[in-house]
């Protein structure tokens, strides 16, 4: 997993709680905690960090992952604003996640282990089936929620769990809305 995910997670913890909380999460997780944005680290370390934060705060890991996803999307907007230029709405942005965003990430980081989305555009909605070697649908949900908040076009998302053995971990249904 790319180090940028780790550094952003720890920055979110510091901004939301404190630097002491970051130290406590790292110590409780039993990880080194020295991450660089361009490094690559085991997925298990992120799981350990989220679990440690959950134990300290009493908030469930799925909730923390959603909060982190929303935070991370905001950071993507700040760092990669060019991807948002000329995009009219959240459904258009999300429909291009594989062909535009993930394609660009793979150019920059060929070793990145990204999830994949099978996207089906329907009138007024987008169905996104999520696949990942390291499934974290709650993080993906938070990213989608961050996207919807960024575009503020009234769209809404709900998560559908899929049965084991389907090969996919989740399905996100994004319904278009009217801008407020």
Protein backbone atom coordinates (compact mmCIF):
# COMPACT_ATOMS: atom_id res chain seq x y z
CA UNK A 1 0.00 0.00 0.00
CA UNK A 2 1.38 3.41 -0.92
CA UNK A 3 2.82 5.47 1.90
CA UNK A 4 0.66 8.46 1.05
CA UNK A 5 -2.30 6.58 2.54
CA UNK A 6 -0.35 6.08 5.79
CA UNK A 7 0.91 9.66 6.01
CA UNK A 8 -2.57 11.05 5.34
CA UNK A 9 -4.09 8.73 7.94
CA UNK A 10 -1.65 9.95 10.58
CA UNK A 11 -2.20 13.57 9.54
CA UNK A 12 -5.95 13.05 9.94
CA UNK A 13 -5.42 11.60 13.42
CA UNK A 14 -3.24 14.56 14.39
CA UNK A 15 -5.70 17.13 13.00
CA UNK A 16 -8.71 15.45 14.60
CA UNK A 17 -7.18 14.50 17.94
CA UNK A 18 -3.53 15.39 18.59
CA UNK A 19 0.11 14.54 17.94
CA UNK A 20 0.07 12.61 21.22
CA UNK A 21 -2.80 10.53 19.81
CA UNK A 22 -0.67 9.75 16.74
CA UNK A 23 2.11 8.52 19.02
CA UNK A 24 -0.36 6.45 21.03
CA UNK A 25 -1.89 4.89 17.90
CA UNK A 26 1.55 3.98 16.50
CA UNK A 27 2.67 2.49 19.83
CA UNK A 28 -0.56 0.52 20.31
CA UNK A 29 -0.46 -0.74 16.70
CA UNK A 30 3.11 -1.98 17.15
CA UNK A 31 4.29 -0.54 13.84
CA UNK A 32 7.37 1.55 13.06
CA UNK A 33 5.36 4.62 12.16
CA UNK A 34 8.05 6.16 9.95
CA UNK A 35 6.17 6.45 6.66
CA UNK A 36 6.98 8.43 3.54
CA UNK A 37 4.40 9.35 0.93
CA UNK A 38 6.27 7.54 -1.85
CA UNK A 39 7.12 4.39 0.11
CA UNK A 40 5.22 1.12 -0.02
CA UNK A 41 4.11 -0.58 3.19
CA UNK A 42 2.16 -3.70 4.17
CA UNK A 43 -1.62 -3.35 4.19
CA UNK A 44 -1.62 -5.08 7.58
CA UNK A 45 0.03 -2.00 9.09
CA UNK A 46 -2.85 0.24 8.05
CA UNK A 47 -5.27 -2.29 9.54
CA UNK A 48 -3.25 -2.23 12.77
CA UNK A 49 -3.30 1.59 12.87
CA UNK A 50 -7.06 1.77 12.30
CA UNK A 51 -7.65 -0.96 14.89
CA UNK A 52 -5.49 0.88 17.42
CA UNK A 53 -7.35 4.14 16.81
CA UNK A 54 -10.65 2.30 17.23
CA UNK A 55 -9.53 0.81 20.54
CA UNK A 56 -8.38 4.19 21.85
CA UNK A 57 -11.39 6.23 20.68
CA UNK A 58 -14.11 3.60 21.03
CA UNK A 59 -15.27 4.31 17.47
CA UNK A 60 -15.75 1.27 15.21
CA UNK A 61 -13.16 0.75 12.44
CA UNK A 62 -15.77 1.08 9.63
CA UNK A 63 -16.72 4.55 10.90
CA UNK A 64 -13.07 5.59 11.18
CA UNK A 65 -12.37 4.33 7.65
CA UNK A 66 -15.30 6.34 6.27
CA UNK A 67 -14.07 9.47 8.05
CA UNK A 68 -10.59 8.83 6.67
CA UNK A 69 -11.97 8.33 3.16
CA UNK A 70 -13.70 11.71 3.28
CA UNK A 71 -10.49 13.31 4.57
CA UNK A 72 -8.43 11.60 1.87
CA UNK A 73 -10.71 12.77 -0.91
CA UNK A 74 -10.30 16.34 0.30
CA UNK A 75 -6.54 15.93 0.14
CA UNK A 76 -6.81 14.54 -3.40
CA UNK A 77 -8.75 17.65 -4.43
CA UNK A 78 -6.00 19.86 -2.98
CA UNK A 79 -3.12 17.90 -4.50
CA UNK A 80 -4.61 16.91 -7.85
CA UNK A 81 -6.98 19.72 -8.72
CA UNK A 82 -6.44 19.21 -12.45
CA UNK A 83 -8.48 16.01 -12.33
CA UNK A 84 -11.53 18.02 -11.31
CA UNK A 85 -11.29 20.73 -13.94
CA UNK A 86 -14.22 20.68 -16.33
CA UNK A 87 -15.96 17.80 -14.55
CA UNK A 88 -19.62 18.81 -14.22
CA UNK A 89 -20.81 16.49 -11.43
CA UNK A 90 -20.00 13.65 -9.08
CA UNK A 91 -21.42 10.90 -11.28
CA UNK A 92 -19.23 11.97 -14.20
CA UNK A 93 -16.17 12.04 -11.96
CA UNK A 94 -16.90 8.64 -10.41
CA UNK A 95 -17.66 7.07 -13.81
CA UNK A 96 -14.08 7.91 -14.85
CA UNK A 97 -12.38 6.53 -11.77
CA UNK A 98 -10.81 3.55 -13.57
CA UNK A 99 -10.03 5.04 -16.97
CA UNK A 100 -8.79 8.41 -15.74
CA UNK A 101 -7.82 8.49 -12.08
CA UNK A 102 -6.51 4.96 -11.54
CA UNK A 103 -4.80 5.02 -14.96
CA UNK A 104 -2.88 8.13 -13.92
CA UNK A 105 -1.99 6.67 -10.53
CA UNK A 106 -0.64 3.53 -12.21
CA UNK A 107 1.58 5.69 -14.44
CA UNK A 108 3.05 7.41 -11.40
CA UNK A 109 3.18 4.33 -9.16
CA UNK A 110 3.29 1.13 -11.23
CA UNK A 111 3.52 -0.97 -8.04
CA UNK A 112 0.40 0.57 -6.47
CA UNK A 113 -2.21 -1.99 -5.43
CA UNK A 114 -5.38 -0.13 -6.27
CA UNK A 115 -8.89 -1.45 -5.94
CA UNK A 116 -10.86 -1.69 -9.14
CA UNK A 117 -14.38 -0.67 -9.98
CA UNK A 118 -16.71 -2.08 -12.56
CA UNK A 119 -18.84 0.95 -13.40
CA UNK A 120 -22.29 0.82 -14.97
CA UNK A 121 -23.85 4.13 -15.89
CA UNK A 122 -27.64 4.14 -15.86
CA UNK A 123 -30.03 7.07 -16.25
CA UNK A 124 -29.72 9.12 -13.08
CA UNK A 125 -27.48 6.64 -11.30
CA UNK A 126 -24.13 4.93 -11.26
CA UNK A 127 -23.54 1.39 -10.05
CA UNK A 128 -19.97 0.77 -8.94
CA UNK A 129 -18.91 -2.78 -8.11
CA UNK A 130 -15.80 -2.77 -5.94
CA UNK A 131 -12.99 -5.32 -6.11
CA UNK A 132 -9.85 -5.28 -4.02
CA UNK A 133 -7.10 -7.61 -2.95
CA UNK A 134 -7.26 -5.85 0.42
CA UNK A 135 -10.95 -5.01 0.74
CA UNK A 136 -11.84 -1.84 2.61
CA UNK A 137 -15.26 -0.89 1.30
CA UNK A 138 -15.76 1.56 4.17
CA UNK A 139 -12.72 3.54 3.02
CA UNK A 140 -14.07 3.50 -0.55
CA UNK A 141 -17.46 4.65 0.75
CA UNK A 142 -15.81 7.55 2.55
CA UNK A 143 -13.97 8.53 -0.63
CA UNK A 144 -17.24 8.47 -2.58
CA UNK A 145 -18.93 10.53 0.15
CA UNK A 146 -16.04 13.01 -0.08
CA UNK A 147 -16.61 13.22 -3.83
CA UNK A 148 -20.31 13.87 -3.37
CA UNK A 149 -19.57 16.59 -0.82
CA UNK A 150 -17.01 18.18 -3.14
CA UNK A 151 -19.39 18.42 -6.08
CA UNK A 152 -22.38 19.27 -3.83
CA UNK A 153 -24.78 18.23 -6.58
CA UNK A 154 -27.30 16.48 -4.36
CA UNK A 155 -26.16 12.96 -5.27
CA UNK A 156 -26.38 10.23 -2.62
CA UNK A 157 -24.67 6.87 -2.20
CA UNK A 158 -25.58 3.65 -0.50
CA UNK A 159 -23.47 0.55 0.01
CA UNK A 160 -24.68 -2.94 -0.82
CA UNK A 161 -22.74 -5.87 0.57
CA UNK A 162 -22.31 -8.74 -1.84
CA UNK A 163 -22.39 -12.44 -1.01
CA UNK A 164 -19.10 -14.21 -0.35
CA UNK A 165 -17.71 -15.93 -3.40
CA UNK A 166 -18.99 -13.28 -5.80
CA UNK A 167 -15.44 -12.02 -6.31
CA UNK A 168 -16.52 -8.49 -5.43
CA UNK A 169 -16.54 -6.98 -1.97
CA UNK A 170 -19.25 -4.35 -2.32
CA UNK A 171 -21.48 -2.42 -4.65
CA UNK A 172 -22.00 1.32 -4.38
CA UNK A 173 -25.13 2.81 -5.92
CA UNK A 174 -24.84 6.54 -6.52
CA UNK A 175 -28.10 8.29 -7.27
CA UNK A 176 -28.05 11.66 -9.00
CA UNK A 177 -29.64 14.55 -7.24
CA UNK A 178 -30.39 18.16 -7.82
CA UNK A 179 -27.90 20.76 -6.78
CA UNK A 180 -29.03 22.67 -3.70
